[in-house]
Amino acid sequence: MKKIFALIIMSLFVTSTLYAKEKKLTEEEALKILEECKANLDQINADISKLEAQVKEYRDKVQAVDNEISSLKEEIASLKEEIAKYPSEYTVEEGDYLAKIAGMRYIYNNSKAWPRIYRANRDLIKDPNLIYPGWVLKIPHGIVKEFEVIPGDYLWKIAGFTWIYGDPTMWTKIYEANKDQIKDPDLIYPGQVFTIPRD
């Protein structure tokens, strides 16, 4: 790039020299034109250096982003391997109960998450205190985007579930996202399906 600008300056110099011959410029005027050309060349070189520094800065930023992307891809691959260890079904054994199952290491490792198993298996489980050996229970994983209300639910309780927000005070997010269904936040009904906002 510097060569191109140098050629441009040289052509300007030659043009100005020819112009000087044509106009019969004095030596002093020709030197003045030459000094202006040199000053312009210096400014162009300074601009080129500045642009090269900016290009380097942008390349460094792109490299940093590429490194971050690579790191995230590795983390995602690791998480996929970890998630693959978690079963999607569990066969009930003698002495099992929902909180015990939810507390198992590769189920949820959290006994308080038992309602999630109950909700996913309501077609089979009529009473969460009664499950029987041999039953095959679905074990849901991943982020919940919808929530079906069952008897005894209220917004504060739903928001407090560990797989929803784990914070009862966030009930207003559910309310705001489902105002079309919820006329009074103190009155929700079994069978209603609420969107769970994740932003």
Protein backbone atom coordinates (compact mmCIF):
# COMPACT_ATOMS: atom_id res chain seq x y z
CA MET A 1 0.00 0.00 0.00
CA LYS A 2 2.88 2.33 0.79
CA LYS A 3 4.31 1.66 -2.68
CA ILE A 4 1.06 2.74 -4.31
CA PHE A 5 0.99 5.98 -2.36
CA ALA A 6 4.66 6.59 -3.12
CA LEU A 7 3.93 6.13 -6.83
CA ILE A 8 1.05 8.57 -6.60
CA ILE A 9 3.29 11.13 -4.90
CA MET A 10 6.04 10.57 -7.46
CA SER A 11 3.56 11.08 -10.29
CA LEU A 12 2.40 14.25 -8.59
CA PHE A 13 6.03 15.33 -8.34
CA VAL A 14 6.66 14.57 -12.03
CA THR A 15 3.45 16.36 -12.97
CA SER A 16 4.44 19.34 -10.86
CA THR A 17 7.93 19.30 -12.41
CA LEU A 18 6.45 19.28 -15.90
CA TYR A 19 4.10 22.00 -14.81
CA ALA A 20 7.08 23.93 -13.47
CA LYS A 21 8.86 23.61 -16.80
CA GLU A 22 5.74 24.69 -18.66
CA LYS A 23 5.19 27.67 -16.44
CA LYS A 24 8.91 28.32 -16.01
CA LEU A 25 8.62 28.32 -12.22
CA THR A 26 11.40 29.71 -10.20
CA GLU A 27 13.57 27.35 -8.20
CA GLU A 28 12.01 28.68 -5.01
CA GLU A 29 8.48 27.91 -6.25
CA ALA A 30 9.50 24.43 -7.38
CA LEU A 31 11.07 23.75 -3.94
CA LYS A 32 7.89 24.95 -2.28
CA ILE A 33 5.81 22.53 -4.40
CA LEU A 34 8.27 19.74 -3.60
CA GLU A 35 7.99 20.49 0.16
CA GLU A 36 4.20 20.36 -0.11
CA CYS A 37 4.43 16.99 -1.87
CA LYS A 38 6.78 15.69 0.85
CA ALA A 39 4.40 16.95 3.55
CA ASN A 40 1.51 15.22 1.79
CA LEU A 41 3.55 12.02 1.54
CA ASP A 42 4.38 12.22 5.27
CA GLN A 43 0.68 12.68 6.07
CA ILE A 44 -0.27 9.75 3.84
CA ASN A 45 2.38 7.56 5.51
CA ALA A 46 1.08 8.61 8.95
CA ASP A 47 -2.48 7.74 7.87
CA ILE A 48 -1.28 4.37 6.56
CA SER A 49 0.47 3.62 9.88
CA LYS A 50 -2.68 4.59 11.77
CA LEU A 51 -4.82 2.33 9.56
CA GLU A 52 -2.36 -0.55 9.95
CA ALA A 53 -2.56 -0.14 13.75
CA GLN A 54 -6.38 -0.22 13.56
CA VAL A 55 -6.29 -3.33 11.37
CA LYS A 56 -4.01 -5.04 13.93
CA GLU A 57 -6.34 -4.01 16.75
CA TYR A 58 -9.36 -5.45 14.88
CA ARG A 59 -7.48 -8.64 14.06
CA ASP A 60 -6.62 -9.02 17.76
CA LYS A 61 -10.29 -8.54 18.68
CA VAL A 62 -11.39 -11.08 16.08
CA GLN A 63 -8.81 -13.53 17.43
CA ALA A 64 -10.10 -12.98 20.98
CA VAL A 65 -13.67 -13.66 19.81
CA ASP A 66 -12.53 -16.77 17.92
CA ASN A 67 -10.78 -18.00 21.08
CA GLU A 68 -13.94 -17.37 23.12
CA ILE A 69 -16.04 -19.25 20.55
CA SER A 70 -13.64 -22.21 20.66
CA SER A 71 -13.78 -22.21 24.46
CA LEU A 72 -17.59 -22.13 24.43
CA LYS A 73 -17.74 -24.97 21.89
CA GLU A 74 -15.54 -27.08 24.17
CA GLU A 75 -17.75 -26.21 27.15
CA ILE A 76 -20.89 -27.12 25.19
CA ALA A 77 -19.37 -30.45 24.15
CA SER A 78 -18.48 -31.15 27.78
CA LEU A 79 -22.01 -30.25 28.92
CA LYS A 80 -23.53 -32.50 26.26
CA GLU A 81 -21.42 -35.39 27.56
CA GLU A 82 -22.56 -34.62 31.11
CA ILE A 83 -26.23 -34.36 30.09
CA ALA A 84 -25.99 -37.68 28.24
CA LYS A 85 -25.28 -39.32 31.62
CA TYR A 86 -28.68 -38.23 32.93
CA PRO A 87 -31.41 -40.78 32.23
CA SER A 88 -34.64 -39.84 30.49
CA GLU A 89 -36.48 -42.65 32.34
CA TYR A 90 -36.27 -44.27 35.74
CA THR A 91 -37.72 -47.62 36.84
CA VAL A 92 -39.13 -47.41 40.36
CA GLU A 93 -37.61 -49.82 42.86
CA GLU A 94 -38.81 -51.04 46.26
CA GLY A 95 -38.52 -48.22 48.82
CA ASP A 96 -38.42 -45.40 46.26
CA TYR A 97 -40.40 -42.20 46.63
CA LEU A 98 -40.35 -39.11 44.40
CA ALA A 99 -38.09 -36.97 46.61
CA LYS A 100 -35.59 -39.83 46.89
CA ILE A 101 -35.56 -40.31 43.10
CA ALA A 102 -35.17 -36.56 42.46
CA GLY A 103 -32.28 -36.46 44.93
CA MET A 104 -30.29 -39.12 43.07
CA ARG A 105 -26.99 -37.89 41.58
CA TYR A 106 -27.89 -38.46 37.94
CA ILE A 107 -31.54 -37.53 38.23
CA TYR A 108 -31.59 -33.97 39.67
CA ASN A 109 -29.32 -34.28 42.70
CA ASN A 110 -31.99 -32.23 44.45
CA SER A 111 -34.80 -33.90 46.39
CA LYS A 112 -36.89 -30.70 46.26
CA ALA A 113 -37.25 -31.15 42.48
CA TRP A 114 -39.63 -34.14 42.94
CA PRO A 115 -42.67 -32.17 41.66
CA ARG A 116 -41.01 -32.04 38.26
CA ILE A 117 -41.10 -35.86 38.06
CA TYR A 118 -44.67 -35.86 39.37
CA ARG A 119 -45.81 -33.35 36.74
CA ALA A 120 -44.16 -35.28 33.90
CA ASN A 121 -45.91 -38.50 35.00
CA ARG A 122 -49.38 -37.33 36.02
CA ASP A 123 -50.90 -39.83 33.61
CA LEU A 124 -49.38 -42.59 35.78
CA ILE A 125 -49.10 -41.01 39.24
CA LYS A 126 -52.44 -40.06 40.76
CA ASP A 127 -51.05 -39.47 44.26
CA PRO A 128 -47.43 -38.27 44.59
CA ASN A 129 -47.13 -40.29 47.81
CA LEU A 130 -47.96 -43.55 46.05
CA ILE A 131 -45.60 -44.95 43.44
CA TYR A 132 -45.01 -48.62 42.80
CA PRO A 133 -41.99 -50.79 41.92
CA GLY A 134 -41.75 -51.49 38.21
CA TRP A 135 -43.28 -48.21 37.10
CA VAL A 136 -41.17 -46.47 34.46
CA LEU A 137 -41.14 -42.73 35.13
CA LYS A 138 -40.21 -40.06 32.60
CA ILE A 139 -37.39 -37.84 33.87
CA PRO A 140 -37.59 -34.43 32.15
CA HIS A 141 -34.39 -32.43 31.68
CA GLY A 142 -33.65 -29.09 30.09
CA ILE A 143 -35.18 -25.67 30.44
CA VAL A 144 -38.91 -25.51 31.08
CA LYS A 145 -40.66 -23.17 28.63
CA GLU A 146 -44.24 -24.04 29.58
CA PHE A 147 -45.86 -24.99 32.85
CA GLU A 148 -49.21 -26.72 33.39
CA VAL A 149 -51.00 -25.75 36.58
CA ILE A 150 -52.16 -28.53 38.92
CA PRO A 151 -54.30 -28.26 42.06
CA GLY A 152 -52.48 -26.43 44.84
CA ASP A 153 -50.32 -24.31 42.52
CA TYR A 154 -50.03 -20.55 42.81
CA LEU A 155 -47.66 -18.16 41.02
CA TRP A 156 -45.34 -17.67 44.01
CA LYS A 157 -44.95 -21.44 44.38
CA ILE A 158 -44.38 -21.99 40.64
CA ALA A 159 -41.66 -19.31 40.45
CA GLY A 160 -39.98 -20.89 43.48
CA PHE A 161 -39.51 -24.29 41.84
CA THR A 162 -35.81 -24.89 41.22
CA TRP A 163 -36.42 -25.77 37.57
CA ILE A 164 -38.45 -22.59 36.98
CA TYR A 165 -36.64 -19.65 38.66
CA GLY A 166 -35.76 -20.95 42.11
CA ASP A 167 -36.99 -17.59 43.42
CA PRO A 168 -40.64 -17.13 44.46
CA THR A 169 -40.40 -13.34 44.15
CA MET A 170 -40.08 -13.72 40.36
CA TRP A 171 -43.75 -14.74 40.10
CA THR A 172 -44.47 -11.39 38.42
CA LYS A 173 -42.52 -12.50 35.32
CA ILE A 174 -44.94 -15.41 34.88
CA TYR A 175 -47.90 -13.12 35.53
CA GLU A 176 -46.73 -10.50 33.01
CA ALA A 177 -46.09 -13.13 30.32
CA ASN A 178 -49.52 -14.72 30.78
CA LYS A 179 -51.85 -11.78 31.44
CA ASP A 180 -54.10 -13.03 28.65
CA GLN A 181 -54.92 -16.07 30.86
CA ILE A 182 -54.49 -14.61 34.34
CA LYS A 183 -57.12 -12.03 35.24
CA ASP A 184 -56.23 -12.07 38.94
CA PRO A 185 -52.72 -13.19 40.01
CA ASP A 186 -54.24 -14.80 43.11
CA LEU A 187 -56.52 -17.02 40.99
CA ILE A 188 -55.03 -19.60 38.66
CA TYR A 189 -56.68 -22.86 37.67
CA PRO A 190 -55.62 -26.47 37.08
CA GLY A 191 -55.08 -27.16 33.40
CA GLN A 192 -53.89 -23.67 32.54
CA VAL A 193 -50.59 -23.75 30.63
CA PHE A 194 -48.32 -20.79 31.26
CA THR A 195 -45.37 -19.58 29.22
CA ILE A 196 -42.20 -19.34 31.33
CA PRO A 197 -40.16 -16.35 30.09
CA ARG A 198 -36.38 -16.95 30.00
CA ASP A 199 -34.94 -13.49 29.31
